[in-house]
Amino acid sequence: MEAVVWKILRERKLLSALSHGAIFFSYTIVSIGIPIAVLFISNDPVVKENAKESLNFHINLYIYGIIFGLLIFVAIGIPLLILLWIVSLIMPIIAVIKVLGNPNLSYRYPFIFRLV
């Protein structure tokens, strides 16, 4: 029985960390594909919540990137894009550390719109 629990926790840690860390594989649409795949292949509710949250974070990054990209013509866009890039590096690292430290809770990104 204990071996089954450890297997579930390992799988939960791996899939949750993979969902949040997908942004480091690619900044293209591939980074959204990994949380979507995890969402469909897993039956674990915690993993599904982490995949949804990661997907929401990725979508928010793309939306903010488009908006800030359009603001380049107003001269505020470049600093905002740099800030967005920094956030896109730091927040997934925090998320991966949190889900590896406590696999029974899903991580919630601050300041994002939850569309999924």
PDB file of N, CA and C in Angstrom:
ATOM      1  N   MET A   1       0.825  -1.200   0.000  1.00  0.00           N
ATOM      2  CA  MET A   1       0.000   0.000   0.000  1.00  0.00           C
ATOM      3  C   MET A   1       0.863   1.255   0.000  1.00  0.00           C
ATOM      4  N   GLU A   2       1.915   1.220   0.817  1.00  0.00           N
ATOM      5  CA  GLU A   2       2.800   2.382   0.916  1.00  0.00           C
ATOM      6  C   GLU A   2       3.525   2.644  -0.405  1.00  0.00           C
ATOM      7  N   ALA A   3       3.869   1.594  -1.126  1.00  0.00           N
ATOM      8  CA  ALA A   3       4.544   1.753  -2.414  1.00  0.00           C
ATOM      9  C   ALA A   3       3.626   2.444  -3.428  1.00  0.00           C
ATOM     10  N   VAL A   4       2.344   2.159  -3.363  1.00  0.00           N
ATOM     11  CA  VAL A   4       1.384   2.775  -4.275  1.00  0.00           C
ATOM     12  C   VAL A   4       1.280   4.270  -3.983  1.00  0.00           C
ATOM     13  N   VAL A   5       1.270   4.644  -2.706  1.00  0.00           N
ATOM     14  CA  VAL A   5       1.201   6.058  -2.316  1.00  0.00           C
ATOM     15  C   VAL A   5       2.433   6.801  -2.811  1.00  0.00           C
ATOM     16  N   TRP A   6       3.603   6.206  -2.651  1.00  0.00           N
ATOM     17  CA  TRP A   6       4.845   6.848  -3.117  1.00  0.00           C
ATOM     18  C   TRP A   6       4.843   7.004  -4.634  1.00  0.00           C
ATOM     19  N   LYS A   7       4.312   6.011  -5.334  1.00  0.00           N
ATOM     20  CA  LYS A   7       4.237   6.097  -6.796  1.00  0.00           C
ATOM     21  C   LYS A   7       3.312   7.240  -7.222  1.00  0.00           C
ATOM     22  N   ILE A   8       2.177   7.376  -6.545  1.00  0.00           N
ATOM     23  CA  ILE A   8       1.233   8.452  -6.868  1.00  0.00           C
ATOM     24  C   ILE A   8       1.868   9.810  -6.601  1.00  0.00           C
ATOM     25  N   LEU A   9       2.573   9.942  -5.474  1.00  0.00           N
ATOM     26  CA  LEU A   9       3.231  11.211  -5.149  1.00  0.00           C
ATOM     27  C   LEU A   9       4.331  11.552  -6.148  1.00  0.00           C
ATOM     28  N   ARG A  10       5.112  10.546  -6.554  1.00  0.00           N
ATOM     29  CA  ARG A  10       6.163  10.787  -7.557  1.00  0.00           C
ATOM     30  C   ARG A  10       5.563  11.239  -8.875  1.00  0.00           C
ATOM     31  N   GLU A  11       4.497  10.563  -9.297  1.00  0.00           N
ATOM     32  CA  GLU A  11       3.831  10.932 -10.550  1.00  0.00           C
ATOM     33  C   GLU A  11       3.221  12.329 -10.444  1.00  0.00           C
ATOM     34  N   ARG A  12       2.636  12.643  -9.300  1.00  0.00           N
ATOM     35  CA  ARG A  12       2.035  13.957  -9.081  1.00  0.00           C
ATOM     36  C   ARG A  12       3.103  15.045  -9.143  1.00  0.00           C
ATOM     37  N   LYS A  13       4.244  14.793  -8.491  1.00  0.00           N
ATOM     38  CA  LYS A  13       5.341  15.768  -8.518  1.00  0.00           C
ATOM     39  C   LYS A  13       5.856  15.973  -9.935  1.00  0.00           C
ATOM     40  N   LEU A  14       6.076  14.871 -10.640  1.00  0.00           N
ATOM     41  CA  LEU A  14       6.636  14.937 -11.989  1.00  0.00           C
ATOM     42  C   LEU A  14       5.709  15.679 -12.942  1.00  0.00           C
ATOM     43  N   LEU A  15       4.450  15.308 -12.979  1.00  0.00           N
ATOM     44  CA  LEU A  15       3.528  15.927 -13.929  1.00  0.00           C
ATOM     45  C   LEU A  15       3.225  17.383 -13.572  1.00  0.00           C
ATOM     46  N   SER A  16       3.121  17.696 -12.284  1.00  0.00           N
ATOM     47  CA  SER A  16       2.889  19.084 -11.877  1.00  0.00           C
ATOM     48  C   SER A  16       4.087  19.955 -12.214  1.00  0.00           C
ATOM     49  N   ALA A  17       5.287  19.473 -11.901  1.00  0.00           N
ATOM     50  CA  ALA A  17       6.508  20.236 -12.214  1.00  0.00           C
ATOM     51  C   ALA A  17       6.686  20.372 -13.721  1.00  0.00           C
ATOM     52  N   LEU A  18       6.349  19.334 -14.473  1.00  0.00           N
ATOM     53  CA  LEU A  18       6.447  19.387 -15.929  1.00  0.00           C
ATOM     54  C   LEU A  18       5.494  20.435 -16.497  1.00  0.00           C
ATOM     55  N   SER A  19       4.301  20.526 -15.948  1.00  0.00           N
ATOM     56  CA  SER A  19       3.329  21.523 -16.412  1.00  0.00           C
ATOM     57  C   SER A  19       3.846  22.941 -16.189  1.00  0.00           C
ATOM     58  N   HIS A  20       4.334  23.208 -14.987  1.00  0.00           N
ATOM     59  CA  HIS A  20       4.805  24.554 -14.673  1.00  0.00           C
ATOM     60  C   HIS A  20       6.135  24.869 -15.366  1.00  0.00           C
ATOM     61  N   GLY A  21       6.974  23.875 -15.541  1.00  0.00           N
ATOM     62  CA  GLY A  21       8.269  24.100 -16.160  1.00  0.00           C
ATOM     63  C   GLY A  21       8.268  24.036 -17.675  1.00  0.00           C
ATOM     64  N   ALA A  22       7.120  23.820 -18.272  1.00  0.00           N
ATOM     65  CA  ALA A  22       7.028  23.685 -19.734  1.00  0.00           C
ATOM     66  C   ALA A  22       7.499  24.933 -20.453  1.00  0.00           C
ATOM     67  N   ILE A  23       7.396  26.073 -19.819  1.00  0.00           N
ATOM     68  CA  ILE A  23       7.792  27.323 -20.459  1.00  0.00           C
ATOM     69  C   ILE A  23       9.292  27.352 -20.742  1.00  0.00           C
ATOM     70  N   PHE A  24      10.059  26.560 -20.006  1.00  0.00           N
ATOM     71  CA  PHE A  24      11.499  26.538 -20.227  1.00  0.00           C
ATOM     72  C   PHE A  24      11.900  25.687 -21.424  1.00  0.00           C
ATOM     73  N   PHE A  25      10.980  24.848 -21.910  1.00  0.00           N
ATOM     74  CA  PHE A  25      11.275  24.050 -23.095  1.00  0.00           C
ATOM     75  C   PHE A  25      11.204  24.889 -24.356  1.00  0.00           C
ATOM     76  N   SER A  26      10.272  25.831 -24.375  1.00  0.00           N
ATOM     77  CA  SER A  26      10.080  26.640 -25.566  1.00  0.00           C
ATOM     78  C   SER A  26       9.133  27.783 -25.237  1.00  0.00           C
ATOM     79  N   TYR A  27       9.349  28.926 -25.851  1.00  0.00           N
ATOM     80  CA  TYR A  27       8.432  30.040 -25.675  1.00  0.00           C
ATOM     81  C   TYR A  27       7.351  30.046 -26.768  1.00  0.00           C
ATOM     82  N   THR A  28       7.324  29.014 -27.561  1.00  0.00           N
ATOM     83  CA  THR A  28       6.325  28.932 -28.626  1.00  0.00           C
ATOM     84  C   THR A  28       5.098  28.186 -28.116  1.00  0.00           C
ATOM     85  N   ILE A  29       4.294  27.754 -29.010  1.00  0.00           N
ATOM     86  CA  ILE A  29       3.044  27.070 -28.679  1.00  0.00           C
ATOM     87  C   ILE A  29       3.306  25.721 -28.008  1.00  0.00           C
ATOM     88  N   VAL A  30       4.512  25.178 -28.130  1.00  0.00           N
ATOM     89  CA  VAL A  30       4.853  23.903 -27.495  1.00  0.00           C
ATOM     90  C   VAL A  30       4.710  24.005 -25.980  1.00  0.00           C
ATOM     91  N   SER A  31       5.019  25.175 -25.426  1.00  0.00           N
ATOM     92  CA  SER A  31       4.929  25.336 -23.977  1.00  0.00           C
ATOM     93  C   SER A  31       3.487  25.252 -23.482  1.00  0.00           C
ATOM     94  N   ILE A  32       2.534  25.532 -24.333  1.00  0.00           N
ATOM     95  CA  ILE A  32       1.123  25.382 -23.971  1.00  0.00           C
ATOM     96  C   ILE A  32       0.668  23.938 -24.189  1.00  0.00           C
ATOM     97  N   GLY A  33       1.273  23.266 -25.141  1.00  0.00           N
ATOM     98  CA  GLY A  33       0.882  21.893 -25.450  1.00  0.00           C
ATOM     99  C   GLY A  33       1.161  20.912 -24.327  1.00  0.00           C
ATOM    100  N   ILE A  34       2.226  21.147 -23.577  1.00  0.00           N
ATOM    101  CA  ILE A  34       2.576  20.222 -22.491  1.00  0.00           C
ATOM    102  C   ILE A  34       1.527  20.246 -21.377  1.00  0.00           C
ATOM    103  N   PRO A  35       1.134  21.428 -20.851  1.00  0.00           N
ATOM    104  CA  PRO A  35       0.065  21.395 -19.840  1.00  0.00           C
ATOM    105  C   PRO A  35      -1.268  20.854 -20.371  1.00  0.00           C
ATOM    106  N   ILE A  36      -1.557  21.100 -21.643  1.00  0.00           N
ATOM    107  CA  ILE A  36      -2.788  20.549 -22.221  1.00  0.00           C
ATOM    108  C   ILE A  36      -2.716  19.025 -22.238  1.00  0.00           C
ATOM    109  N   ALA A  37      -1.572  18.482 -22.646  1.00  0.00           N
ATOM    110  CA  ALA A  37      -1.406  17.025 -22.663  1.00  0.00           C
ATOM    111  C   ALA A  37      -1.518  16.443 -21.255  1.00  0.00           C
ATOM    112  N   VAL A  38      -0.880  17.106 -20.284  1.00  0.00           N
ATOM    113  CA  VAL A  38      -0.956  16.636 -18.900  1.00  0.00           C
ATOM    114  C   VAL A  38      -2.399  16.683 -18.402  1.00  0.00           C
ATOM    115  N   LEU A  39      -3.113  17.715 -18.784  1.00  0.00           N
ATOM    116  CA  LEU A  39      -4.513  17.864 -18.384  1.00  0.00           C
ATOM    117  C   LEU A  39      -5.357  16.695 -18.883  1.00  0.00           C
ATOM    118  N   PHE A  40      -5.076  16.228 -20.093  1.00  0.00           N
ATOM    119  CA  PHE A  40      -5.863  15.139 -20.669  1.00  0.00           C
ATOM    120  C   PHE A  40      -5.417  13.752 -20.225  1.00  0.00           C
ATOM    121  N   ILE A  41      -4.138  13.554 -19.921  1.00  0.00           N
ATOM    122  CA  ILE A  41      -3.668  12.201 -19.590  1.00  0.00           C
ATOM    123  C   ILE A  41      -3.776  11.864 -18.113  1.00  0.00           C
ATOM    124  N   SER A  42      -3.880  12.875 -17.260  1.00  0.00           N
ATOM    125  CA  SER A  42      -3.897  12.615 -15.824  1.00  0.00           C
ATOM    126  C   SER A  42      -5.321  12.573 -15.286  1.00  0.00           C
ATOM    127  N   ASN A  43      -5.519  11.690 -14.317  1.00  0.00           N
ATOM    128  CA  ASN A  43      -6.798  11.611 -13.615  1.00  0.00           C
ATOM    129  C   ASN A  43      -6.704  12.236 -12.230  1.00  0.00           C
ATOM    130  N   ASP A  44      -5.517  12.641 -11.844  1.00  0.00           N
ATOM    131  CA  ASP A  44      -5.264  13.204 -10.522  1.00  0.00           C
ATOM    132  C   ASP A  44      -5.783  14.648 -10.463  1.00  0.00           C
ATOM    133  N   PRO A  45      -6.653  14.974  -9.511  1.00  0.00           N
ATOM    134  CA  PRO A  45      -7.212  16.328  -9.454  1.00  0.00           C
ATOM    135  C   PRO A  45      -6.174  17.414  -9.162  1.00  0.00           C
ATOM    136  N   VAL A  46      -5.143  17.098  -8.372  1.00  0.00           N
ATOM    137  CA  VAL A  46      -4.103  18.090  -8.081  1.00  0.00           C
ATOM    138  C   VAL A  46      -3.282  18.380  -9.333  1.00  0.00           C
ATOM    139  N   VAL A  47      -2.949  17.344 -10.076  1.00  0.00           N
ATOM    140  CA  VAL A  47      -2.190  17.513 -11.317  1.00  0.00           C
ATOM    141  C   VAL A  47      -3.014  18.308 -12.329  1.00  0.00           C
ATOM    142  N   LYS A  48      -4.306  18.013 -12.411  1.00  0.00           N
ATOM    143  CA  LYS A  48      -5.175  18.752 -13.331  1.00  0.00           C
ATOM    144  C   LYS A  48      -5.237  20.232 -12.960  1.00  0.00           C
ATOM    145  N   GLU A  49      -5.313  20.552 -11.680  1.00  0.00           N
ATOM    146  CA  GLU A  49      -5.330  21.952 -11.241  1.00  0.00           C
ATOM    147  C   GLU A  49      -4.015  22.649 -11.568  1.00  0.00           C
ATOM    148  N   ASN A  50      -2.900  21.947 -11.369  1.00  0.00           N
ATOM    149  CA  ASN A  50      -1.598  22.532 -11.719  1.00  0.00           C
ATOM    150  C   ASN A  50      -1.477  22.750 -13.222  1.00  0.00           C
ATOM    151  N   ALA A  51      -1.972  21.821 -14.007  1.00  0.00           N
ATOM    152  CA  ALA A  51      -1.923  21.972 -15.466  1.00  0.00           C
ATOM    153  C   ALA A  51      -2.786  23.146 -15.914  1.00  0.00           C
ATOM    154  N   LYS A  52      -3.980  23.294 -15.325  1.00  0.00           N
ATOM    155  CA  LYS A  52      -4.855  24.422 -15.668  1.00  0.00           C
ATOM    156  C   LYS A  52      -4.202  25.751 -15.286  1.00  0.00           C
ATOM    157  N   GLU A  53      -3.604  25.788 -14.112  1.00  0.00           N
ATOM    158  CA  GLU A  53      -2.966  27.023 -13.656  1.00  0.00           C
ATOM    159  C   GLU A  53      -1.774  27.383 -14.548  1.00  0.00           C
ATOM    160  N   SER A  54      -1.007  26.390 -14.926  1.00  0.00           N
ATOM    161  CA  SER A  54       0.117  26.624 -15.838  1.00  0.00           C
ATOM    162  C   SER A  54      -0.382  27.114 -17.193  1.00  0.00           C
ATOM    163  N   LEU A  55      -1.435  26.516 -17.676  1.00  0.00           N
ATOM    164  CA  LEU A  55      -2.029  26.933 -18.948  1.00  0.00           C
ATOM    165  C   LEU A  55      -2.518  28.375 -18.871  1.00  0.00           C
ATOM    166  N   ASN A  56      -3.170  28.728 -17.792  1.00  0.00           N
ATOM    167  CA  ASN A  56      -3.609  30.107 -17.598  1.00  0.00           C
ATOM    168  C   ASN A  56      -2.431  31.076 -17.564  1.00  0.00           C
ATOM    169  N   PHE A  57      -1.345  30.686 -16.909  1.00  0.00           N
ATOM    170  CA  PHE A  57      -0.154  31.533 -16.845  1.00  0.00           C
ATOM    171  C   PHE A  57       0.430  31.749 -18.237  1.00  0.00           C
ATOM    172  N   HIS A  58       0.524  30.685 -19.024  1.00  0.00           N
ATOM    173  CA  HIS A  58       1.051  30.799 -20.381  1.00  0.00           C
ATOM    174  C   HIS A  58       0.178  31.713 -21.241  1.00  0.00           C
ATOM    175  N   ILE A  59      -1.126  31.519 -21.166  1.00  0.00           N
ATOM    176  CA  ILE A  59      -2.039  32.354 -21.948  1.00  0.00           C
ATOM    177  C   ILE A  59      -1.911  33.815 -21.538  1.00  0.00           C
ATOM    178  N   ASN A  60      -1.828  34.077 -20.243  1.00  0.00           N
ATOM    179  CA  ASN A  60      -1.644  35.443 -19.762  1.00  0.00           C
ATOM    180  C   ASN A  60      -0.346  36.049 -20.278  1.00  0.00           C
ATOM    181  N   LEU A  61       0.723  35.261 -20.299  1.00  0.00           N
ATOM    182  CA  LEU A  61       1.999  35.770 -20.821  1.00  0.00           C
ATOM    183  C   LEU A  61       1.871  36.173 -22.282  1.00  0.00           C
ATOM    184  N   TYR A  62       1.190  35.356 -23.075  1.00  0.00           N
ATOM    185  CA  TYR A  62       1.011  35.692 -24.487  1.00  0.00           C
ATOM    186  C   TYR A  62       0.173  36.951 -24.663  1.00  0.00           C
ATOM    187  N   ILE A  63      -0.893  37.068 -23.882  1.00  0.00           N
ATOM    188  CA  ILE A  63      -1.746  38.261 -23.973  1.00  0.00           C
ATOM    189  C   ILE A  63      -0.965  39.508 -23.578  1.00  0.00           C
ATOM    190  N   TYR A  64      -0.274  39.435 -22.438  1.00  0.00           N
ATOM    191  CA  TYR A  64       0.526  40.586 -22.006  1.00  0.00           C
ATOM    192  C   TYR A  64       1.646  40.900 -23.005  1.00  0.00           C
ATOM    193  N   GLY A  65       2.239  39.875 -23.587  1.00  0.00           N
ATOM    194  CA  GLY A  65       3.293  40.086 -24.574  1.00  0.00           C
ATOM    195  C   GLY A  65       2.787  40.838 -25.798  1.00  0.00           C
ATOM    196  N   ILE A  66       1.594  40.485 -26.253  1.00  0.00           N
ATOM    197  CA  ILE A  66       1.012  41.191 -27.405  1.00  0.00           C
ATOM    198  C   ILE A  66       0.717  42.642 -27.044  1.00  0.00           C
ATOM    199  N   ILE A  67       0.115  42.852 -25.878  1.00  0.00           N
ATOM    200  CA  ILE A  67      -0.217  44.219 -25.452  1.00  0.00           C
ATOM    201  C   ILE A  67       1.051  45.052 -25.276  1.00  0.00           C
ATOM    202  N   PHE A  68       2.036  44.509 -24.589  1.00  0.00           N
ATOM    203  CA  PHE A  68       3.277  45.252 -24.357  1.00  0.00           C
ATOM    204  C   PHE A  68       4.044  45.459 -25.660  1.00  0.00           C
ATOM    205  N   GLY A  69       3.938  44.491 -26.575  1.00  0.00           N
ATOM    206  CA  GLY A  69       4.575  44.648 -27.881  1.00  0.00           C
ATOM    207  C   GLY A  69       3.978  45.812 -28.659  1.00  0.00           C
ATOM    208  N   LEU A  70       2.680  45.977 -28.551  1.00  0.00           N
ATOM    209  CA  LEU A  70       2.029  47.113 -29.213  1.00  0.00           C
ATOM    210  C   LEU A  70       2.416  48.440 -28.562  1.00  0.00           C
ATOM    211  N   LEU A  71       2.767  48.394 -27.291  1.00  0.00           N
ATOM    212  CA  LEU A  71       3.151  49.615 -26.583  1.00  0.00           C
ATOM    213  C   LEU A  71       4.597  50.049 -26.865  1.00  0.00           C
ATOM    214  N   ILE A  72       5.307  49.283 -27.678  1.00  0.00           N
ATOM    215  CA  ILE A  72       6.675  49.674 -28.045  1.00  0.00           C
ATOM    216  C   ILE A  72       6.672  51.039 -28.720  1.00  0.00           C
ATOM    217  N   PHE A  73       5.617  51.320 -29.455  1.00  0.00           N
ATOM    218  CA  PHE A  73       5.539  52.597 -30.164  1.00  0.00           C
ATOM    219  C   PHE A  73       5.331  53.772 -29.217  1.00  0.00           C
ATOM    220  N   VAL A  74       4.977  53.496 -27.969  1.00  0.00           N
ATOM    221  CA  VAL A  74       4.766  54.555 -26.980  1.00  0.00           C
ATOM    222  C   VAL A  74       5.978  54.656 -26.054  1.00  0.00           C
ATOM    223  N   ALA A  75       6.989  53.862 -26.266  1.00  0.00           N
ATOM    224  CA  ALA A  75       8.261  53.853 -25.543  1.00  0.00           C
ATOM    225  C   ALA A  75       8.192  53.182 -24.181  1.00  0.00           C
ATOM    226  N   ILE A  76       7.033  52.793 -23.706  1.00  0.00           N
ATOM    227  CA  ILE A  76       6.921  52.084 -22.434  1.00  0.00           C
ATOM    228  C   ILE A  76       6.948  50.574 -22.654  1.00  0.00           C
ATOM    229  N   GLY A  77       6.765  50.149 -23.889  1.00  0.00           N
ATOM    230  CA  GLY A  77       6.665  48.730 -24.205  1.00  0.00           C
ATOM    231  C   GLY A  77       7.920  47.939 -23.936  1.00  0.00           C
ATOM    232  N   ILE A  78       9.081  48.496 -24.214  1.00  0.00           N
ATOM    233  CA  ILE A  78      10.336  47.757 -24.035  1.00  0.00           C
ATOM    234  C   ILE A  78      10.583  47.436 -22.563  1.00  0.00           C
ATOM    235  N   PRO A  79      10.470  48.416 -21.637  1.00  0.00           N
ATOM    236  CA  PRO A  79      10.645  48.041 -20.227  1.00  0.00           C
ATOM    237  C   PRO A  79       9.596  47.038 -19.745  1.00  0.00           C
ATOM    238  N   LEU A  80       8.372  47.154 -20.229  1.00  0.00           N
ATOM    239  CA  LEU A  80       7.334  46.207 -19.834  1.00  0.00           C
ATOM    240  C   LEU A  80       7.618  44.810 -20.378  1.00  0.00           C
ATOM    241  N   LEU A  81       8.136  44.718 -21.594  1.00  0.00           N
ATOM    242  CA  LEU A  81       8.507  43.413 -22.154  1.00  0.00           C
ATOM    243  C   LEU A  81       9.657  42.785 -21.384  1.00  0.00           C
ATOM    244  N   ILE A  82      10.610  43.603 -20.964  1.00  0.00           N
ATOM    245  CA  ILE A  82      11.725  43.090 -20.157  1.00  0.00           C
ATOM    246  C   ILE A  82      11.206  42.574 -18.820  1.00  0.00           C
ATOM    247  N   LEU A  83      10.308  43.337 -18.199  1.00  0.00           N
ATOM    248  CA  LEU A  83       9.709  42.909 -16.936  1.00  0.00           C
ATOM    249  C   LEU A  83       8.919  41.617 -17.118  1.00  0.00           C
ATOM    250  N   LEU A  84       8.184  41.509 -18.198  1.00  0.00           N
ATOM    251  CA  LEU A  84       7.418  40.302 -18.489  1.00  0.00           C
ATOM    252  C   LEU A  84       8.346  39.100 -18.675  1.00  0.00           C
ATOM    253  N   TRP A  85       9.468  39.312 -19.332  1.00  0.00           N
ATOM    254  CA  TRP A  85      10.443  38.232 -19.525  1.00  0.00           C
ATOM    255  C   TRP A  85      10.996  37.763 -18.182  1.00  0.00           C
ATOM    256  N   ILE A  86      11.293  38.707 -17.292  1.00  0.00           N
ATOM    257  CA  ILE A  86      11.806  38.350 -15.963  1.00  0.00           C
ATOM    258  C   ILE A  86      10.752  37.556 -15.185  1.00  0.00           C
ATOM    259  N   VAL A  87       9.512  38.023 -15.237  1.00  0.00           N
ATOM    260  CA  VAL A  87       8.422  37.325 -14.551  1.00  0.00           C
ATOM    261  C   VAL A  87       8.240  35.922 -15.132  1.00  0.00           C
ATOM    262  N   SER A  88       8.383  35.793 -16.448  1.00  0.00           N
ATOM    263  CA  SER A  88       8.201  34.485 -17.085  1.00  0.00           C
ATOM    264  C   SER A  88       9.311  33.507 -16.719  1.00  0.00           C
ATOM    265  N   LEU A  89      10.408  34.008 -16.198  1.00  0.00           N
ATOM    266  CA  LEU A  89      11.478  33.128 -15.721  1.00  0.00           C
ATOM    267  C   LEU A  89      11.319  32.797 -14.235  1.00  0.00           C
ATOM    268  N   ILE A  90      10.992  33.795 -13.438  1.00  0.00           N
ATOM    269  CA  ILE A  90      10.967  33.619 -11.984  1.00  0.00           C
ATOM    270  C   ILE A  90       9.734  32.849 -11.506  1.00  0.00           C
ATOM    271  N   MET A  91       8.560  33.215 -11.993  1.00  0.00           N
ATOM    272  CA  MET A  91       7.328  32.606 -11.486  1.00  0.00           C
ATOM    273  C   MET A  91       7.237  31.091 -11.723  1.00  0.00           C
ATOM    274  N   PRO A  92       7.608  30.573 -12.895  1.00  0.00           N
ATOM    275  CA  PRO A  92       7.571  29.109 -13.049  1.00  0.00           C
ATOM    276  C   PRO A  92       8.576  28.392 -12.145  1.00  0.00           C
ATOM    277  N   ILE A  93       9.723  29.030 -11.871  1.00  0.00           N
ATOM    278  CA  ILE A  93      10.691  28.414 -10.959  1.00  0.00           C
ATOM    279  C   ILE A  93      10.085  28.297  -9.568  1.00  0.00           C
ATOM    280  N   ILE A  94       9.430  29.370  -9.118  1.00  0.00           N
ATOM    281  CA  ILE A  94       8.757  29.332  -7.815  1.00  0.00           C
ATOM    282  C   ILE A  94       7.685  28.253  -7.804  1.00  0.00           C
ATOM    283  N   ALA A  95       6.918  28.161  -8.882  1.00  0.00           N
ATOM    284  CA  ALA A  95       5.850  27.158  -8.965  1.00  0.00           C
ATOM    285  C   ALA A  95       6.407  25.736  -8.898  1.00  0.00           C
ATOM    286  N   VAL A  96       7.487  25.486  -9.627  1.00  0.00           N
ATOM    287  CA  VAL A  96       8.087  24.141  -9.619  1.00  0.00           C
ATOM    288  C   VAL A  96       8.590  23.799  -8.221  1.00  0.00           C
ATOM    289  N   ILE A  97       9.236  24.748  -7.561  1.00  0.00           N
ATOM    290  CA  ILE A  97       9.740  24.506  -6.205  1.00  0.00           C
ATOM    291  C   ILE A  97       8.586  24.212  -5.245  1.00  0.00           C
ATOM    292  N   LYS A  98       7.501  24.972  -5.370  1.00  0.00           N
ATOM    293  CA  LYS A  98       6.341  24.773  -4.485  1.00  0.00           C
ATOM    294  C   LYS A  98       5.680  23.413  -4.706  1.00  0.00           C
ATOM    295  N   VAL A  99       5.484  23.006  -5.963  1.00  0.00           N
ATOM    296  CA  VAL A  99       4.811  21.719  -6.206  1.00  0.00           C
ATOM    297  C   VAL A  99       5.709  20.536  -5.857  1.00  0.00           C
ATOM    298  N   LEU A 100       7.016  20.710  -5.959  1.00  0.00           N
ATOM    299  CA  LEU A 100       7.912  19.639  -5.537  1.00  0.00           C
ATOM    300  C   LEU A 100       7.982  19.558  -4.018  1.00  0.00           C
ATOM    301  N   GLY A 101       7.858  20.697  -3.347  1.00  0.00           N
ATOM    302  CA  GLY A 101       7.907  20.722  -1.888  1.00  0.00           C
ATOM    303  C   GLY A 101       6.637  20.211  -1.241  1.00  0.00           C
ATOM    304  N   ASN A 102       5.498  20.504  -1.852  1.00  0.00           N
ATOM    305  CA  ASN A 102       4.220  20.043  -1.317  1.00  0.00           C
ATOM    306  C   ASN A 102       3.346  19.555  -2.466  1.00  0.00           C
ATOM    307  N   PRO A 103       3.468  18.283  -2.822  1.00  0.00           N
ATOM    308  CA  PRO A 103       2.749  17.778  -3.995  1.00  0.00           C
ATOM    309  C   PRO A 103       1.243  17.643  -3.804  1.00  0.00           C
ATOM    310  N   ASN A 104       0.753  17.826  -2.587  1.00  0.00           N
ATOM    311  CA  ASN A 104      -0.678  17.674  -2.354  1.00  0.00           C
ATOM    312  C   ASN A 104      -1.468  18.952  -2.585  1.00  0.00           C
ATOM    313  N   LEU A 105      -0.792  20.071  -2.815  1.00  0.00           N
ATOM    314  CA  LEU A 105      -1.458  21.339  -3.076  1.00  0.00           C
ATOM    315  C   LEU A 105      -1.108  21.823  -4.473  1.00  0.00           C
ATOM    316  N   SER A 106      -2.065  22.449  -5.120  1.00  0.00           N
ATOM    317  CA  SER A 106      -1.770  23.024  -6.431  1.00  0.00           C
ATOM    318  C   SER A 106      -1.286  24.459  -6.238  1.00  0.00           C
ATOM    319  N   TYR A 107      -0.377  24.894  -7.094  1.00  0.00           N
ATOM    320  CA  TYR A 107       0.180  26.245  -7.005  1.00  0.00           C
ATOM    321  C   TYR A 107      -0.713  27.213  -7.765  1.00  0.00           C
ATOM    322  N   ARG A 108      -0.920  28.392  -7.206  1.00  0.00           N
ATOM    323  CA  ARG A 108      -1.730  29.444  -7.850  1.00  0.00           C
ATOM    324  C   ARG A 108      -0.827  30.639  -8.130  1.00  0.00           C
ATOM    325  N   TYR A 109      -0.725  31.011  -9.398  1.00  0.00           N
ATOM    326  CA  TYR A 109       0.053  32.196  -9.770  1.00  0.00           C
ATOM    327  C   TYR A 109      -0.699  33.455  -9.335  1.00  0.00           C
ATOM    328  N   PRO A 110       0.017  34.428  -8.780  1.00  0.00           N
ATOM    329  CA  PRO A 110      -0.658  35.689  -8.428  1.00  0.00           C
ATOM    330  C   PRO A 110      -0.828  36.568  -9.666  1.00  0.00           C
ATOM    331  N   PHE A 111      -1.815  37.432  -9.634  1.00  0.00           N
ATOM    332  CA  PHE A 111      -2.024  38.477 -10.635  1.00  0.00           C
ATOM    333  C   PHE A 111      -2.293  37.983 -12.047  1.00  0.00           C
ATOM    334  N   ILE A 112      -2.946  36.837 -12.190  1.00  0.00           N
ATOM    335  CA  ILE A 112      -3.290  36.395 -13.535  1.00  0.00           C
ATOM    336  C   ILE A 112      -4.800  36.205 -13.636  1.00  0.00           C
ATOM    337  N   PHE A 113      -5.289  36.264 -14.872  1.00  0.00           N
ATOM    338  CA  PHE A 113      -6.675  35.976 -15.141  1.00  0.00           C
ATOM    339  C   PHE A 113      -6.812  34.493 -15.402  1.00  0.00           C
ATOM    340  N   ARG A 114      -7.763  33.865 -14.771  1.00  0.00           N
ATOM    341  CA  ARG A 114      -7.964  32.433 -14.959  1.00  0.00           C
ATOM    342  C   ARG A 114      -9.032  32.230 -16.023  1.00  0.00           C
ATOM    343  N   LEU A 115      -8.578  31.843 -17.212  1.00  0.00           N
ATOM    344  CA  LEU A 115      -9.468  31.704 -18.358  1.00  0.00           C
ATOM    345  C   LEU A 115      -9.895  30.255 -18.565  1.00  0.00           C
ATOM    346  N   VAL A 116      -9.103  29.319 -18.085  1.00  0.00           N
ATOM    347  CA  VAL A 116      -9.371  27.879 -18.268  1.00  0.00           C
ATOM    348  C   VAL A 116      -9.859  27.298 -16.979  1.00  0.00           C
TER     349      VAL A 116
END
